[in-house]
Amino acid sequence: MTGEYQHTLDSKGRLSIPARLREDLGNVFYVTLSMDKCLSAYSSESWEAFTEKVNAMPYVKQRKMRPLFAYAAKCEVDAQGRILIPQNLRDFAGLTKNVTVVGCNNHAEFWDSESWSAVNAVETTPENIAAVMEELEF
């Protein structure tokens, strides 16, 4: 998934999903916590692959994944292309009004727009891009 899109949460906590990302995510997908202060959205297929990996882990390691499953929400896109993001997920990511939706390879991320601006400013530098390209051996 690729791209950066600006959207607004409505008063009920609904977020419009960009058409290009809906193609990749599908009409039903999963939203959960991220390592950053944002949310991650996975297509049903990606979520299934993720759960299979977790199921293959020893039980002690599976327990560490508990928050990802406890907060996970199965989201269905409505006729207007929106999903309802549960309050606990909005609270975790600090989503109140302005949301930046970011394509991030095999998933999408939902960021508070101010938080995204700060992260983006740090990550989108020639030095950081060069380091990433070097790590990928380009």
N, C-alpha and C. Protein backbone atom coordinates (compact mmCIF):
# COMPACT_ATOMS: atom_id res chain seq x y z
N MET A 1 0.84 -1.17 0.00
CA MET A 1 0.00 0.00 0.00
C MET A 1 0.88 1.23 0.00
N THR A 2 0.45 2.23 -0.72
CA THR A 2 1.26 3.44 -0.86
C THR A 2 0.38 4.68 -0.77
N GLY A 3 1.01 5.81 -0.57
CA GLY A 3 0.33 7.09 -0.60
C GLY A 3 0.12 7.69 0.78
N GLU A 4 -0.19 8.98 0.76
CA GLU A 4 -0.50 9.74 1.97
C GLU A 4 -1.77 10.53 1.68
N TYR A 5 -2.74 10.44 2.60
CA TYR A 5 -4.06 11.03 2.37
C TYR A 5 -4.52 11.75 3.62
N GLN A 6 -5.09 12.93 3.45
CA GLN A 6 -5.62 13.72 4.56
C GLN A 6 -7.13 13.53 4.67
N HIS A 7 -7.58 13.16 5.87
CA HIS A 7 -9.00 12.97 6.10
C HIS A 7 -9.37 13.53 7.47
N THR A 8 -10.67 13.55 7.73
CA THR A 8 -11.18 14.06 9.00
C THR A 8 -12.12 13.03 9.62
N LEU A 9 -11.95 12.80 10.92
CA LEU A 9 -12.89 11.96 11.64
C LEU A 9 -14.19 12.73 11.81
N ASP A 10 -15.32 12.07 11.63
CA ASP A 10 -16.57 12.77 11.90
C ASP A 10 -16.90 12.64 13.39
N SER A 11 -17.98 13.24 13.82
CA SER A 11 -18.34 13.28 15.24
C SER A 11 -18.62 11.89 15.83
N LYS A 12 -18.89 10.91 14.98
CA LYS A 12 -19.16 9.55 15.44
C LYS A 12 -17.91 8.66 15.41
N GLY A 13 -16.77 9.22 15.00
CA GLY A 13 -15.53 8.44 14.95
C GLY A 13 -15.36 7.66 13.67
N ARG A 14 -16.04 8.11 12.60
CA ARG A 14 -15.92 7.43 11.31
C ARG A 14 -14.84 8.11 10.47
N LEU A 15 -14.11 7.30 9.74
CA LEU A 15 -13.01 7.77 8.90
C LEU A 15 -13.21 7.28 7.48
N SER A 16 -13.09 8.19 6.52
CA SER A 16 -13.15 7.79 5.11
C SER A 16 -11.84 7.12 4.74
N ILE A 17 -11.95 6.00 4.06
CA ILE A 17 -10.78 5.25 3.61
C ILE A 17 -10.57 5.58 2.14
N PRO A 18 -9.38 6.05 1.78
CA PRO A 18 -9.12 6.39 0.38
C PRO A 18 -9.41 5.21 -0.55
N ALA A 19 -10.00 5.51 -1.69
CA ALA A 19 -10.39 4.47 -2.65
C ALA A 19 -9.21 3.57 -3.03
N ARG A 20 -8.04 4.16 -3.23
CA ARG A 20 -6.87 3.35 -3.61
C ARG A 20 -6.50 2.35 -2.53
N LEU A 21 -6.64 2.75 -1.27
CA LEU A 21 -6.32 1.82 -0.19
C LEU A 21 -7.45 0.81 0.03
N ARG A 22 -8.68 1.20 -0.24
CA ARG A 22 -9.80 0.25 -0.11
C ARG A 22 -9.61 -0.92 -1.05
N GLU A 23 -9.02 -0.66 -2.21
CA GLU A 23 -8.74 -1.76 -3.15
C GLU A 23 -7.83 -2.80 -2.52
N ASP A 24 -6.83 -2.34 -1.76
CA ASP A 24 -5.88 -3.26 -1.12
C ASP A 24 -6.41 -3.84 0.18
N LEU A 25 -7.12 -3.04 0.96
CA LEU A 25 -7.61 -3.49 2.25
C LEU A 25 -8.86 -4.36 2.13
N GLY A 26 -9.68 -4.09 1.14
CA GLY A 26 -10.93 -4.80 0.99
C GLY A 26 -12.05 -4.11 1.76
N ASN A 27 -13.24 -4.67 1.69
CA ASN A 27 -14.40 -4.08 2.38
C ASN A 27 -14.46 -4.43 3.86
N VAL A 28 -13.73 -5.46 4.24
CA VAL A 28 -13.63 -5.85 5.65
C VAL A 28 -12.15 -6.01 5.96
N PHE A 29 -11.67 -5.29 6.98
CA PHE A 29 -10.27 -5.41 7.35
C PHE A 29 -10.12 -5.17 8.85
N TYR A 30 -8.90 -5.32 9.35
CA TYR A 30 -8.65 -5.26 10.78
C TYR A 30 -7.77 -4.06 11.12
N VAL A 31 -8.14 -3.37 12.19
CA VAL A 31 -7.39 -2.22 12.68
C VAL A 31 -6.95 -2.54 14.11
N THR A 32 -5.69 -2.28 14.40
CA THR A 32 -5.18 -2.55 15.73
C THR A 32 -4.06 -1.57 16.08
N LEU A 33 -3.45 -1.78 17.22
CA LEU A 33 -2.35 -0.94 17.69
C LEU A 33 -1.14 -1.06 16.79
N SER A 34 -0.26 -0.10 16.90
CA SER A 34 0.99 -0.11 16.17
C SER A 34 2.14 0.09 17.16
N MET A 35 3.36 -0.10 16.71
CA MET A 35 4.52 0.17 17.55
C MET A 35 4.68 1.67 17.76
N ASP A 36 4.16 2.46 16.83
CA ASP A 36 4.18 3.90 16.95
C ASP A 36 2.83 4.35 17.53
N LYS A 37 2.69 5.63 17.78
CA LYS A 37 1.42 6.15 18.29
C LYS A 37 0.47 6.39 17.13
N CYS A 38 0.11 5.29 16.47
CA CYS A 38 -0.82 5.31 15.35
C CYS A 38 -1.52 3.97 15.33
N LEU A 39 -2.41 3.78 14.36
CA LEU A 39 -3.10 2.51 14.20
C LEU A 39 -2.64 1.85 12.91
N SER A 40 -2.67 0.54 12.89
CA SER A 40 -2.32 -0.21 11.69
C SER A 40 -3.57 -0.93 11.20
N ALA A 41 -3.76 -0.90 9.87
CA ALA A 41 -4.90 -1.57 9.24
C ALA A 41 -4.38 -2.65 8.30
N TYR A 42 -4.93 -3.85 8.45
CA TYR A 42 -4.50 -5.01 7.66
C TYR A 42 -5.69 -5.61 6.92
N SER A 43 -5.46 -5.98 5.68
CA SER A 43 -6.49 -6.70 4.93
C SER A 43 -6.79 -8.01 5.66
N SER A 44 -7.92 -8.61 5.36
CA SER A 44 -8.27 -9.89 5.98
C SER A 44 -7.19 -10.94 5.71
N GLU A 45 -6.63 -10.93 4.50
CA GLU A 45 -5.59 -11.89 4.15
C GLU A 45 -4.32 -11.65 4.97
N SER A 46 -3.91 -10.40 5.10
CA SER A 46 -2.72 -10.09 5.90
C SER A 46 -2.93 -10.42 7.36
N TRP A 47 -4.14 -10.13 7.86
CA TRP A 47 -4.45 -10.43 9.26
C TRP A 47 -4.41 -11.94 9.50
N GLU A 48 -4.92 -12.71 8.57
CA GLU A 48 -4.90 -14.16 8.70
C GLU A 48 -3.45 -14.67 8.72
N ALA A 49 -2.60 -14.14 7.86
CA ALA A 49 -1.19 -14.53 7.85
C ALA A 49 -0.53 -14.18 9.18
N PHE A 50 -0.87 -13.00 9.72
CA PHE A 50 -0.34 -12.56 11.01
C PHE A 50 -0.77 -13.53 12.11
N THR A 51 -2.06 -13.87 12.16
CA THR A 51 -2.53 -14.77 13.22
C THR A 51 -1.91 -16.16 13.10
N GLU A 52 -1.66 -16.61 11.87
CA GLU A 52 -1.00 -17.90 11.69
C GLU A 52 0.41 -17.88 12.27
N LYS A 53 1.12 -16.77 12.07
CA LYS A 53 2.47 -16.64 12.64
C LYS A 53 2.40 -16.66 14.16
N VAL A 54 1.43 -15.97 14.72
CA VAL A 54 1.28 -15.94 16.18
C VAL A 54 0.94 -17.34 16.69
N ASN A 55 0.05 -18.04 16.00
CA ASN A 55 -0.32 -19.40 16.42
C ASN A 55 0.87 -20.36 16.41
N ALA A 56 1.85 -20.09 15.56
CA ALA A 56 3.03 -20.95 15.47
C ALA A 56 4.05 -20.66 16.58
N MET A 57 3.86 -19.58 17.31
CA MET A 57 4.79 -19.21 18.39
C MET A 57 4.51 -20.03 19.64
N PRO A 58 5.54 -20.21 20.47
CA PRO A 58 5.29 -20.83 21.79
C PRO A 58 4.30 -19.95 22.57
N TYR A 59 3.53 -20.56 23.45
CA TYR A 59 2.49 -19.84 24.18
C TYR A 59 3.04 -18.63 24.93
N VAL A 60 4.21 -18.74 25.51
CA VAL A 60 4.79 -17.63 26.28
C VAL A 60 4.98 -16.40 25.39
N LYS A 61 5.39 -16.62 24.16
CA LYS A 61 5.55 -15.50 23.23
C LYS A 61 4.20 -15.01 22.71
N GLN A 62 3.24 -15.91 22.55
CA GLN A 62 1.90 -15.51 22.11
C GLN A 62 1.29 -14.51 23.09
N ARG A 63 1.53 -14.69 24.36
CA ARG A 63 0.96 -13.81 25.38
C ARG A 63 1.39 -12.36 25.18
N LYS A 64 2.58 -12.16 24.63
CA LYS A 64 3.06 -10.79 24.39
C LYS A 64 2.25 -10.09 23.30
N MET A 65 1.56 -10.87 22.51
CA MET A 65 0.75 -10.32 21.41
C MET A 65 -0.66 -9.95 21.87
N ARG A 66 -0.97 -10.22 23.11
CA ARG A 66 -2.32 -10.00 23.63
C ARG A 66 -2.89 -8.62 23.33
N PRO A 67 -2.14 -7.53 23.55
CA PRO A 67 -2.72 -6.20 23.27
C PRO A 67 -3.14 -6.01 21.82
N LEU A 68 -2.40 -6.59 20.89
CA LEU A 68 -2.75 -6.44 19.48
C LEU A 68 -4.11 -7.06 19.18
N PHE A 69 -4.41 -8.18 19.85
CA PHE A 69 -5.70 -8.84 19.64
C PHE A 69 -6.80 -8.21 20.48
N ALA A 70 -6.46 -7.79 21.69
CA ALA A 70 -7.47 -7.18 22.56
C ALA A 70 -8.03 -5.90 21.96
N TYR A 71 -7.18 -5.12 21.31
CA TYR A 71 -7.60 -3.85 20.72
C TYR A 71 -8.06 -3.98 19.27
N ALA A 72 -7.82 -5.11 18.66
CA ALA A 72 -8.14 -5.26 17.24
C ALA A 72 -9.64 -5.12 16.99
N ALA A 73 -9.96 -4.41 15.91
CA ALA A 73 -11.35 -4.22 15.51
C ALA A 73 -11.52 -4.67 14.07
N LYS A 74 -12.53 -5.48 13.84
CA LYS A 74 -12.89 -5.88 12.49
C LYS A 74 -13.76 -4.75 11.94
N CYS A 75 -13.28 -4.08 10.91
CA CYS A 75 -13.96 -2.90 10.37
C CYS A 75 -14.57 -3.22 9.01
N GLU A 76 -15.78 -2.76 8.82
CA GLU A 76 -16.47 -2.94 7.55
C GLU A 76 -16.70 -1.57 6.94
N VAL A 77 -16.36 -1.44 5.67
CA VAL A 77 -16.52 -0.17 4.96
C VAL A 77 -18.00 0.02 4.64
N ASP A 78 -18.54 1.20 4.98
CA ASP A 78 -19.95 1.47 4.69
C ASP A 78 -20.11 1.98 3.25
N ALA A 79 -21.33 2.29 2.88
CA ALA A 79 -21.63 2.70 1.50
C ALA A 79 -20.92 4.00 1.11
N GLN A 80 -20.53 4.81 2.11
CA GLN A 80 -19.81 6.06 1.83
C GLN A 80 -18.30 5.89 1.90
N GLY A 81 -17.82 4.66 2.04
CA GLY A 81 -16.38 4.41 2.09
C GLY A 81 -15.75 4.70 3.43
N ARG A 82 -16.54 4.65 4.51
CA ARG A 82 -16.03 4.96 5.85
C ARG A 82 -16.02 3.72 6.73
N ILE A 83 -15.16 3.79 7.75
CA ILE A 83 -15.18 2.78 8.81
C ILE A 83 -15.37 3.51 10.14
N LEU A 84 -15.89 2.79 11.12
CA LEU A 84 -16.00 3.31 12.47
C LEU A 84 -14.79 2.82 13.26
N ILE A 85 -14.02 3.77 13.78
CA ILE A 85 -12.86 3.40 14.60
C ILE A 85 -13.30 3.46 16.05
N PRO A 86 -13.22 2.33 16.77
CA PRO A 86 -13.65 2.31 18.17
C PRO A 86 -12.89 3.34 19.02
N GLN A 87 -13.56 3.82 20.05
CA GLN A 87 -13.00 4.87 20.91
C GLN A 87 -11.65 4.47 21.51
N ASN A 88 -11.50 3.21 21.96
CA ASN A 88 -10.24 2.82 22.58
C ASN A 88 -9.06 2.93 21.60
N LEU A 89 -9.31 2.64 20.35
CA LEU A 89 -8.25 2.78 19.34
C LEU A 89 -7.98 4.25 19.05
N ARG A 90 -9.02 5.06 18.95
CA ARG A 90 -8.83 6.50 18.73
C ARG A 90 -8.02 7.10 19.88
N ASP A 91 -8.32 6.68 21.10
CA ASP A 91 -7.59 7.18 22.27
C ASP A 91 -6.12 6.80 22.21
N PHE A 92 -5.83 5.54 21.87
CA PHE A 92 -4.45 5.07 21.80
C PHE A 92 -3.63 5.92 20.83
N ALA A 93 -4.19 6.21 19.67
CA ALA A 93 -3.45 6.93 18.62
C ALA A 93 -3.63 8.44 18.70
N GLY A 94 -4.44 8.92 19.63
CA GLY A 94 -4.67 10.36 19.75
C GLY A 94 -5.45 10.93 18.57
N LEU A 95 -6.32 10.13 17.98
CA LEU A 95 -7.11 10.59 16.83
C LEU A 95 -8.33 11.34 17.34
N THR A 96 -8.41 12.62 16.98
CA THR A 96 -9.55 13.42 17.39
C THR A 96 -10.26 14.06 16.20
N LYS A 97 -9.52 14.60 15.26
CA LYS A 97 -10.15 15.28 14.13
C LYS A 97 -9.41 15.00 12.82
N ASN A 98 -8.23 15.60 12.67
CA ASN A 98 -7.47 15.47 11.42
C ASN A 98 -6.61 14.22 11.45
N VAL A 99 -6.82 13.38 10.44
CA VAL A 99 -6.14 12.08 10.37
C VAL A 99 -5.40 11.99 9.04
N THR A 100 -4.16 11.53 9.11
CA THR A 100 -3.39 11.24 7.91
C THR A 100 -3.35 9.73 7.75
N VAL A 101 -3.79 9.27 6.60
CA VAL A 101 -3.77 7.84 6.28
C VAL A 101 -2.55 7.61 5.39
N VAL A 102 -1.71 6.67 5.80
CA VAL A 102 -0.44 6.43 5.12
C VAL A 102 -0.36 4.98 4.68
N GLY A 103 -0.08 4.76 3.39
CA GLY A 103 0.19 3.41 2.91
C GLY A 103 1.58 3.01 3.36
N CYS A 104 1.71 1.81 3.89
CA CYS A 104 2.99 1.38 4.46
C CYS A 104 3.26 -0.08 4.10
N ASN A 105 3.49 -0.33 2.80
CA ASN A 105 3.79 -1.66 2.29
C ASN A 105 2.61 -2.60 2.42
N ASN A 106 2.60 -3.48 3.43
CA ASN A 106 1.53 -4.49 3.53
C ASN A 106 0.37 -4.06 4.43
N HIS A 107 0.39 -2.81 4.88
CA HIS A 107 -0.69 -2.30 5.73
C HIS A 107 -0.81 -0.80 5.55
N ALA A 108 -1.85 -0.24 6.14
CA ALA A 108 -2.02 1.22 6.16
C ALA A 108 -1.91 1.67 7.61
N GLU A 109 -1.55 2.94 7.79
CA GLU A 109 -1.46 3.50 9.13
C GLU A 109 -2.37 4.71 9.22
N PHE A 110 -3.00 4.88 10.38
CA PHE A 110 -3.86 6.03 10.66
C PHE A 110 -3.19 6.84 11.75
N TRP A 111 -2.79 8.07 11.40
CA TRP A 111 -2.05 8.96 12.30
C TRP A 111 -2.85 10.22 12.60
N ASP A 112 -2.72 10.73 13.81
CA ASP A 112 -3.12 12.10 14.07
C ASP A 112 -2.23 12.95 13.17
N SER A 113 -2.81 13.89 12.44
CA SER A 113 -2.04 14.63 11.42
C SER A 113 -0.86 15.38 11.99
N GLU A 114 -0.99 15.97 13.17
CA GLU A 114 0.15 16.68 13.78
C GLU A 114 1.27 15.70 14.13
N SER A 115 0.90 14.56 14.69
CA SER A 115 1.91 13.55 15.03
C SER A 115 2.62 13.05 13.77
N TRP A 116 1.85 12.83 12.69
CA TRP A 116 2.44 12.38 11.43
C TRP A 116 3.41 13.43 10.90
N SER A 117 3.05 14.68 10.97
CA SER A 117 3.94 15.74 10.47
C SER A 117 5.29 15.70 11.18
N ALA A 118 5.26 15.49 12.49
CA ALA A 118 6.52 15.43 13.24
C ALA A 118 7.35 14.22 12.84
N VAL A 119 6.72 13.06 12.75
CA VAL A 119 7.43 11.84 12.35
C VAL A 119 7.94 11.97 10.92
N ASN A 120 7.10 12.46 10.04
CA ASN A 120 7.46 12.61 8.64
C ASN A 120 8.65 13.55 8.46
N ALA A 121 8.70 14.62 9.23
CA ALA A 121 9.82 15.57 9.13
C ALA A 121 11.14 14.91 9.49
N VAL A 122 11.12 14.00 10.45
CA VAL A 122 12.35 13.30 10.86
C VAL A 122 12.73 12.22 9.86
N GLU A 123 11.73 11.50 9.36
CA GLU A 123 12.00 10.35 8.49
C GLU A 123 12.28 10.73 7.05
N THR A 124 11.75 11.86 6.60
CA THR A 124 11.88 12.22 5.19
C THR A 124 13.01 13.23 5.01
N THR A 125 14.21 12.74 5.24
CA THR A 125 15.41 13.54 5.00
C THR A 125 16.29 12.78 4.02
N PRO A 126 17.11 13.50 3.25
CA PRO A 126 18.01 12.79 2.34
C PRO A 126 18.88 11.75 3.05
N GLU A 127 19.33 12.08 4.25
CA GLU A 127 20.20 11.16 5.01
C GLU A 127 19.45 9.88 5.37
N ASN A 128 18.21 10.03 5.83
CA ASN A 128 17.44 8.85 6.21
C ASN A 128 17.09 8.01 4.98
N ILE A 129 16.72 8.66 3.90
CA ILE A 129 16.40 7.92 2.67
C ILE A 129 17.64 7.16 2.18
N ALA A 130 18.80 7.82 2.24
CA ALA A 130 20.04 7.16 1.82
C ALA A 130 20.34 5.95 2.70
N ALA A 131 20.11 6.09 4.02
CA ALA A 131 20.37 4.97 4.93
C ALA A 131 19.44 3.80 4.64
N VAL A 132 18.19 4.09 4.33
CA VAL A 132 17.23 3.04 4.00
C VAL A 132 17.63 2.35 2.70
N MET A 133 18.01 3.13 1.70
CA MET A 133 18.43 2.56 0.42
C MET A 133 19.67 1.69 0.60
N GLU A 134 20.58 2.14 1.44
CA GLU A 134 21.79 1.35 1.70
C GLU A 134 21.43 0.03 2.39
N GLU A 135 20.50 0.08 3.34
CA GLU A 135 20.08 -1.11 4.04
C GLU A 135 19.43 -2.11 3.07
N LEU A 136 18.74 -1.59 2.07
CA LEU A 136 18.12 -2.44 1.05
C LEU A 136 19.11 -2.83 -0.04
N GLU A 137 20.35 -2.36 0.08
CA GLU A 137 21.44 -2.64 -0.85
C GLU A 137 21.16 -2.12 -2.27
N PHE A 138 20.56 -0.92 -2.32
CA PHE A 138 20.37 -0.24 -3.62
C PHE A 138 21.54 0.66 -3.90
